[in-house]
Amino acid sequence: ENRTYKFIPTPYESLTAHLGGGFELGDYVLLQAYSNRGKSWIASHIGVKSWLEGYGVLHYSPELSYDQQAQRNDTLIGHFNNMHLKTGQLKNEDAYREYLQAFNEEDQETPYIIKTMEHLPKGLSIPVIEADLIANPECKMVIIDGFNLMAHSGKGSNRDSMSTTSRQLRQLFARHQVVGIVVHQTPTSAEKENGGDDEDGARIVAPAKIHQYSETIAVIQDACTVLSFDQHDGMGKILIAKTRTPAVNKEITLHCDYNHGYIKEASIIDHI
């Protein structure tokens, strides 16, 4: 393998340590979770952390509008109420305007480029991503929030086409020496299989196992790091399902308040 040994830290201290320094440039990272558990928030948090550390980000968010994704980033950075941002009911408007003044394009050395379906009339494909990387060499992280929403091309079945896309992504990330965060959904059957309630009747937070992938096994095989996420009622867990380090099957527990942009390790919060 042509490794770079250059790392982008994650937003979570324990995860960064378990991964041996964070996400390595050139790596394919799979983030998988059940539907509506906040995987897009985790992906956005990873992107914001990268940007704050001085690494440019190319963020494809096909499920959201540009404004929705930008507002999520504002919530994660400035902790502005996300629901109020969306509905125009923000109470601390002066603070928000002051916050926005720091984002003049002329003053931004580190880009955070958001592209949604309004920017992708022909869909998200490998050629589109490569063209964007060539045009924006400052970007060292690519986030694809919705692998199944990409335009997969091929002569075989849809599963075969997805496998081809996954292999091409692996090559693309390595060729351009960027961290690739690919977000994918695990099936509802896995959630039912792993779920249940504890003795107090609360839903058990249990991230999917590595074999409980959806559609194609290629995403598991191609990724050098697989992170599996689950969340319920403000408590989240990231399972390191695959990694180069000895940290396989380690879990990081998080407190998640998406609406106010707080996603913190439980151990760190408990000691504040």
Protein backbone atom coordinates (compact mmCIF):
# COMPACT_ATOMS: atom_id res chain seq x y z
CA GLU A 1 0.00 0.00 0.00
CA ASN A 2 1.12 3.55 -0.75
CA ARG A 3 0.44 5.06 2.67
CA THR A 4 0.88 8.78 3.39
CA TYR A 5 1.20 8.69 7.21
CA LYS A 6 -0.50 12.09 7.29
CA PHE A 7 -3.58 12.21 9.48
CA ILE A 8 -6.68 14.38 9.98
CA PRO A 9 -7.92 14.20 13.59
CA THR A 10 -11.49 13.12 14.27
CA PRO A 11 -13.86 15.16 16.47
CA TYR A 12 -13.54 12.52 19.20
CA GLU A 13 -10.32 12.16 21.18
CA SER A 14 -10.67 8.43 21.85
CA LEU A 15 -11.51 7.64 18.22
CA THR A 16 -8.48 9.62 17.03
CA ALA A 17 -6.28 7.67 19.43
CA HIS A 18 -7.78 4.29 18.48
CA LEU A 19 -7.15 5.02 14.79
CA GLY A 20 -3.51 5.82 15.45
CA GLY A 21 -3.79 9.56 14.86
CA GLY A 22 -7.06 9.93 12.99
CA PHE A 23 -8.03 9.46 9.34
CA GLU A 24 -5.02 8.96 7.07
CA LEU A 25 -4.86 10.87 3.79
CA GLY A 26 -5.64 8.42 0.98
CA ASP A 27 -7.98 6.30 3.07
CA TYR A 28 -11.50 5.11 2.30
CA VAL A 29 -13.62 5.37 5.47
CA LEU A 30 -17.10 3.84 5.60
CA LEU A 31 -19.58 5.33 8.09
CA GLN A 32 -22.66 3.14 8.34
CA ALA A 33 -25.79 3.44 10.48
CA TYR A 34 -29.49 2.70 10.55
CA SER A 35 -31.95 5.18 9.07
CA ASN A 36 -32.65 8.41 10.98
CA ARG A 37 -30.03 7.90 13.70
CA GLY A 38 -27.88 10.91 12.88
CA LYS A 39 -25.17 9.55 10.60
CA SER A 40 -25.32 12.74 8.50
CA TRP A 41 -24.70 14.79 11.64
CA ILE A 42 -21.66 12.63 12.48
CA ALA A 43 -20.35 13.01 8.91
CA SER A 44 -20.86 16.77 9.09
CA HIS A 45 -19.08 16.89 12.46
CA ILE A 46 -16.12 15.05 10.92
CA GLY A 47 -16.09 17.55 8.05
CA VAL A 48 -16.28 20.59 10.32
CA LYS A 49 -13.43 19.25 12.49
CA SER A 50 -11.30 18.76 9.38
CA TRP A 51 -12.05 22.31 8.20
CA LEU A 52 -11.27 23.83 11.60
CA GLU A 53 -7.94 21.96 11.54
CA GLY A 54 -7.07 23.62 8.21
CA TYR A 55 -7.99 20.84 5.77
CA GLY A 56 -10.30 21.71 2.88
CA VAL A 57 -13.53 19.72 2.58
CA LEU A 58 -15.61 18.70 -0.43
CA HIS A 59 -19.00 17.68 0.96
CA TYR A 60 -21.61 16.00 -1.24
CA SER A 61 -24.99 15.97 0.49
CA PRO A 62 -27.60 14.70 -2.00
CA GLU A 63 -30.39 14.31 0.57
CA LEU A 64 -30.29 17.91 1.85
CA SER A 65 -30.54 21.32 0.26
CA TYR A 66 -27.52 23.62 0.28
CA ASP A 67 -29.09 25.81 2.98
CA GLN A 68 -29.88 22.81 5.20
CA GLN A 69 -26.32 21.49 5.05
CA ALA A 70 -24.83 24.96 5.62
CA GLN A 71 -27.12 25.47 8.61
CA ARG A 72 -25.99 22.16 10.10
CA ASN A 73 -22.40 23.31 9.84
CA ASP A 74 -23.31 26.62 11.50
CA THR A 75 -24.97 24.70 14.32
CA LEU A 76 -21.94 22.47 14.81
CA ILE A 77 -19.49 25.38 14.79
CA GLY A 78 -21.48 28.15 16.48
CA HIS A 79 -24.11 26.07 18.35
CA PHE A 80 -27.01 28.03 16.90
CA ASN A 81 -30.39 26.33 17.35
CA ASN A 82 -30.80 24.33 14.12
CA MET A 83 -34.58 24.22 14.21
CA HIS A 84 -34.75 27.99 14.69
CA LEU A 85 -32.27 28.51 11.84
CA LYS A 86 -34.53 26.53 9.52
CA THR A 87 -37.72 28.30 10.55
CA GLY A 88 -36.29 31.81 10.78
CA GLN A 89 -37.00 32.06 14.52
CA LEU A 90 -33.41 32.45 15.78
CA LYS A 91 -33.44 34.55 18.94
CA ASN A 92 -29.76 35.54 18.92
CA GLU A 93 -29.75 36.98 15.39
CA ASP A 94 -27.08 39.59 16.14
CA ALA A 95 -24.67 36.89 17.30
CA TYR A 96 -25.42 34.89 14.15
CA ARG A 97 -24.76 37.87 11.87
CA GLU A 98 -21.48 38.52 13.67
CA TYR A 99 -20.57 34.86 13.27
CA LEU A 100 -21.31 34.98 9.53
CA GLN A 101 -19.04 37.98 9.00
CA ALA A 102 -16.06 35.67 9.49
CA PHE A 103 -16.95 33.75 6.33
CA ASN A 104 -16.12 36.23 3.58
CA GLU A 105 -14.76 34.26 0.62
CA GLU A 106 -11.80 36.61 0.28
CA ASP A 107 -10.61 35.71 3.79
CA GLN A 108 -11.04 31.94 3.48
CA GLU A 109 -7.82 30.05 2.83
CA THR A 110 -9.41 26.71 3.68
CA PRO A 111 -12.45 25.84 1.52
CA TYR A 112 -15.55 23.99 2.66
CA ILE A 113 -17.42 23.23 -0.56
CA ILE A 114 -20.98 21.91 -0.26
CA LYS A 115 -22.68 20.33 -3.25
CA THR A 116 -26.26 19.06 -3.20
CA MET A 117 -28.58 17.80 -5.92
CA GLU A 118 -29.17 21.38 -7.10
CA HIS A 119 -25.48 21.43 -8.14
CA LEU A 120 -25.53 17.91 -9.62
CA PRO A 121 -28.10 17.84 -12.46
CA LYS A 122 -26.68 14.57 -13.81
CA GLY A 123 -26.18 13.01 -10.39
CA LEU A 124 -23.07 12.33 -8.33
CA SER A 125 -20.53 10.17 -10.15
CA ILE A 126 -16.83 9.32 -10.06
CA PRO A 127 -15.99 11.75 -12.93
CA VAL A 128 -17.77 14.59 -11.10
CA ILE A 129 -15.82 13.96 -7.88
CA GLU A 130 -12.51 13.69 -9.72
CA ALA A 131 -13.14 16.93 -11.62
CA ASP A 132 -13.93 18.71 -8.36
CA LEU A 133 -10.76 17.38 -6.72
CA ILE A 134 -8.63 18.51 -9.66
CA ALA A 135 -10.23 21.97 -9.50
CA ASN A 136 -9.84 22.17 -5.71
CA PRO A 137 -6.50 20.64 -4.70
CA GLU A 138 -6.78 22.30 -1.24
CA CYS A 139 -9.53 19.81 -0.35
CA LYS A 140 -8.12 16.92 1.65
CA MET A 141 -11.42 15.35 2.71
CA VAL A 142 -14.33 14.17 0.57
CA ILE A 143 -17.67 13.37 2.24
CA ILE A 144 -20.24 11.42 0.25
CA ASP A 145 -23.39 11.44 2.35
CA GLY A 146 -25.37 8.70 0.65
CA PHE A 147 -23.51 6.02 -1.27
CA ASN A 148 -26.78 4.58 -2.57
CA LEU A 149 -27.69 8.02 -4.04
CA MET A 150 -24.68 8.05 -6.37
CA ALA A 151 -25.04 7.46 -10.09
CA HIS A 152 -23.70 3.91 -10.37
CA SER A 153 -22.77 2.86 -13.91
CA GLY A 154 -22.15 -0.60 -15.23
CA LYS A 155 -23.50 -3.33 -17.47
CA GLY A 156 -24.46 -5.79 -14.73
CA SER A 157 -26.92 -5.60 -11.86
CA ASN A 158 -27.26 -2.56 -9.61
CA ARG A 159 -25.28 -4.42 -6.97
CA ASP A 160 -22.45 -5.03 -9.44
CA SER A 161 -22.52 -1.37 -10.43
CA MET A 162 -22.31 -0.35 -6.76
CA SER A 163 -19.32 -2.66 -6.33
CA THR A 164 -17.61 -1.01 -9.30
CA THR A 165 -18.28 2.45 -7.84
CA SER A 166 -16.84 1.42 -4.49
CA ARG A 167 -13.62 0.12 -6.08
CA GLN A 168 -13.29 3.31 -8.12
CA LEU A 169 -13.75 5.44 -5.00
CA ARG A 170 -10.98 3.55 -3.25
CA GLN A 171 -8.64 4.24 -6.16
CA LEU A 172 -9.76 7.87 -6.40
CA PHE A 173 -9.09 8.65 -2.73
CA ALA A 174 -5.65 7.05 -2.90
CA ARG A 175 -4.76 8.76 -6.18
CA HIS A 176 -5.59 12.23 -4.87
CA GLN A 177 -4.42 11.51 -1.32
CA VAL A 178 -7.64 12.60 0.34
CA VAL A 179 -9.66 11.10 3.16
CA GLY A 180 -12.89 9.73 1.73
CA ILE A 181 -15.86 9.48 4.14
CA VAL A 182 -18.57 7.36 2.51
CA VAL A 183 -21.90 7.29 4.37
CA HIS A 184 -24.11 4.26 3.86
CA GLN A 185 -27.28 2.92 5.42
CA THR A 186 -27.54 -0.46 7.12
CA PRO A 187 -30.80 -2.36 6.69
CA THR A 188 -33.76 -2.24 9.07
CA SER A 189 -33.43 -6.00 9.57
CA ALA A 190 -30.06 -5.44 11.28
CA GLU A 191 -31.60 -2.92 13.67
CA LYS A 192 -34.33 -5.39 14.60
CA GLU A 193 -31.78 -8.17 15.03
CA ASN A 194 -29.51 -6.10 17.28
CA GLY A 195 -32.21 -4.14 19.09
CA GLY A 196 -34.44 -4.64 22.03
CA ASP A 197 -35.00 -2.87 25.33
CA ASP A 198 -33.00 -2.88 28.53
CA GLU A 199 -34.45 -3.67 31.95
CA ASP A 200 -35.80 -0.10 32.21
CA GLY A 201 -37.60 -0.38 28.88
CA ALA A 202 -35.23 1.92 26.98
CA ARG A 203 -34.05 1.03 23.49
CA ILE A 204 -30.59 -0.54 23.49
CA VAL A 205 -28.07 1.44 21.43
CA ALA A 206 -26.29 -1.17 19.34
CA PRO A 207 -24.33 -0.24 16.19
CA ALA A 208 -24.52 -2.68 13.28
CA LYS A 209 -21.83 -5.33 12.98
CA ILE A 210 -19.46 -5.38 10.03
CA HIS A 211 -21.36 -8.16 8.24
CA GLN A 212 -24.70 -6.34 8.42
CA TYR A 213 -24.02 -4.23 5.34
CA SER A 214 -26.61 -3.20 2.79
CA GLU A 215 -26.67 -3.84 -0.98
CA THR A 216 -23.01 -4.66 -1.59
CA ILE A 217 -20.16 -6.20 0.39
CA ALA A 218 -17.67 -4.15 -1.66
CA VAL A 219 -18.03 -1.13 0.64
CA ILE A 220 -16.87 -3.30 3.55
CA GLN A 221 -14.03 -4.89 1.59
CA ASP A 222 -12.74 -1.65 0.04
CA ALA A 223 -12.83 0.56 3.13
CA CYS A 224 -9.73 0.48 5.32
CA THR A 225 -11.79 1.84 8.23
CA VAL A 226 -15.42 0.97 8.97
CA LEU A 227 -17.27 2.97 11.63
CA SER A 228 -20.72 1.80 12.64
CA PHE A 229 -22.97 4.29 14.45
CA ASP A 230 -26.21 4.14 16.39
CA GLN A 231 -28.04 6.69 18.54
CA HIS A 232 -31.20 6.92 20.57
CA ASP A 233 -32.53 9.57 22.91
CA GLY A 234 -29.29 11.52 22.94
CA MET A 235 -26.92 8.63 23.54
CA GLY A 236 -24.79 7.47 20.62
CA LYS A 237 -22.15 4.84 20.05
CA ILE A 238 -19.48 4.48 17.38
CA LEU A 239 -18.20 0.96 16.86
CA ILE A 240 -14.82 0.59 15.16
CA ALA A 241 -15.75 -2.39 13.02
CA LYS A 242 -12.61 -2.39 10.86
CA THR A 243 -9.26 -0.61 11.11
CA ARG A 244 -5.52 -1.13 10.59
CA THR A 245 -4.88 -0.72 14.31
CA PRO A 246 -5.65 -3.26 17.08
CA ALA A 247 -8.76 -1.24 18.05
CA VAL A 248 -11.30 -3.41 16.21
CA ASN A 249 -14.57 -3.67 18.17
CA LYS A 250 -13.73 -0.71 20.42
CA GLU A 251 -16.72 1.55 21.12
CA ILE A 252 -16.89 5.30 21.73
CA THR A 253 -19.94 6.53 23.64
CA LEU A 254 -21.28 9.96 22.71
CA HIS A 255 -23.78 12.44 24.08
CA CYS A 256 -25.67 13.84 21.06
CA ASP A 257 -27.62 17.09 21.02
CA TYR A 258 -27.90 17.65 17.28
CA ASN A 259 -30.22 20.65 17.49
CA HIS A 260 -27.61 22.66 19.41
CA GLY A 261 -24.58 21.14 17.69
CA TYR A 262 -23.10 19.30 20.66
CA ILE A 263 -21.70 15.83 19.97
CA LYS A 264 -19.26 14.95 22.74
CA GLU A 265 -17.61 11.87 24.17
CA ALA A 266 -19.53 10.79 27.25
CA SER A 267 -16.34 10.24 29.26
CA ILE A 268 -15.14 13.78 28.55
CA ILE A 269 -18.50 15.34 29.47
CA ASP A 270 -18.68 13.32 32.69
CA HIS A 271 -15.39 14.84 33.88
CA ILE A 272 -16.30 18.48 33.18
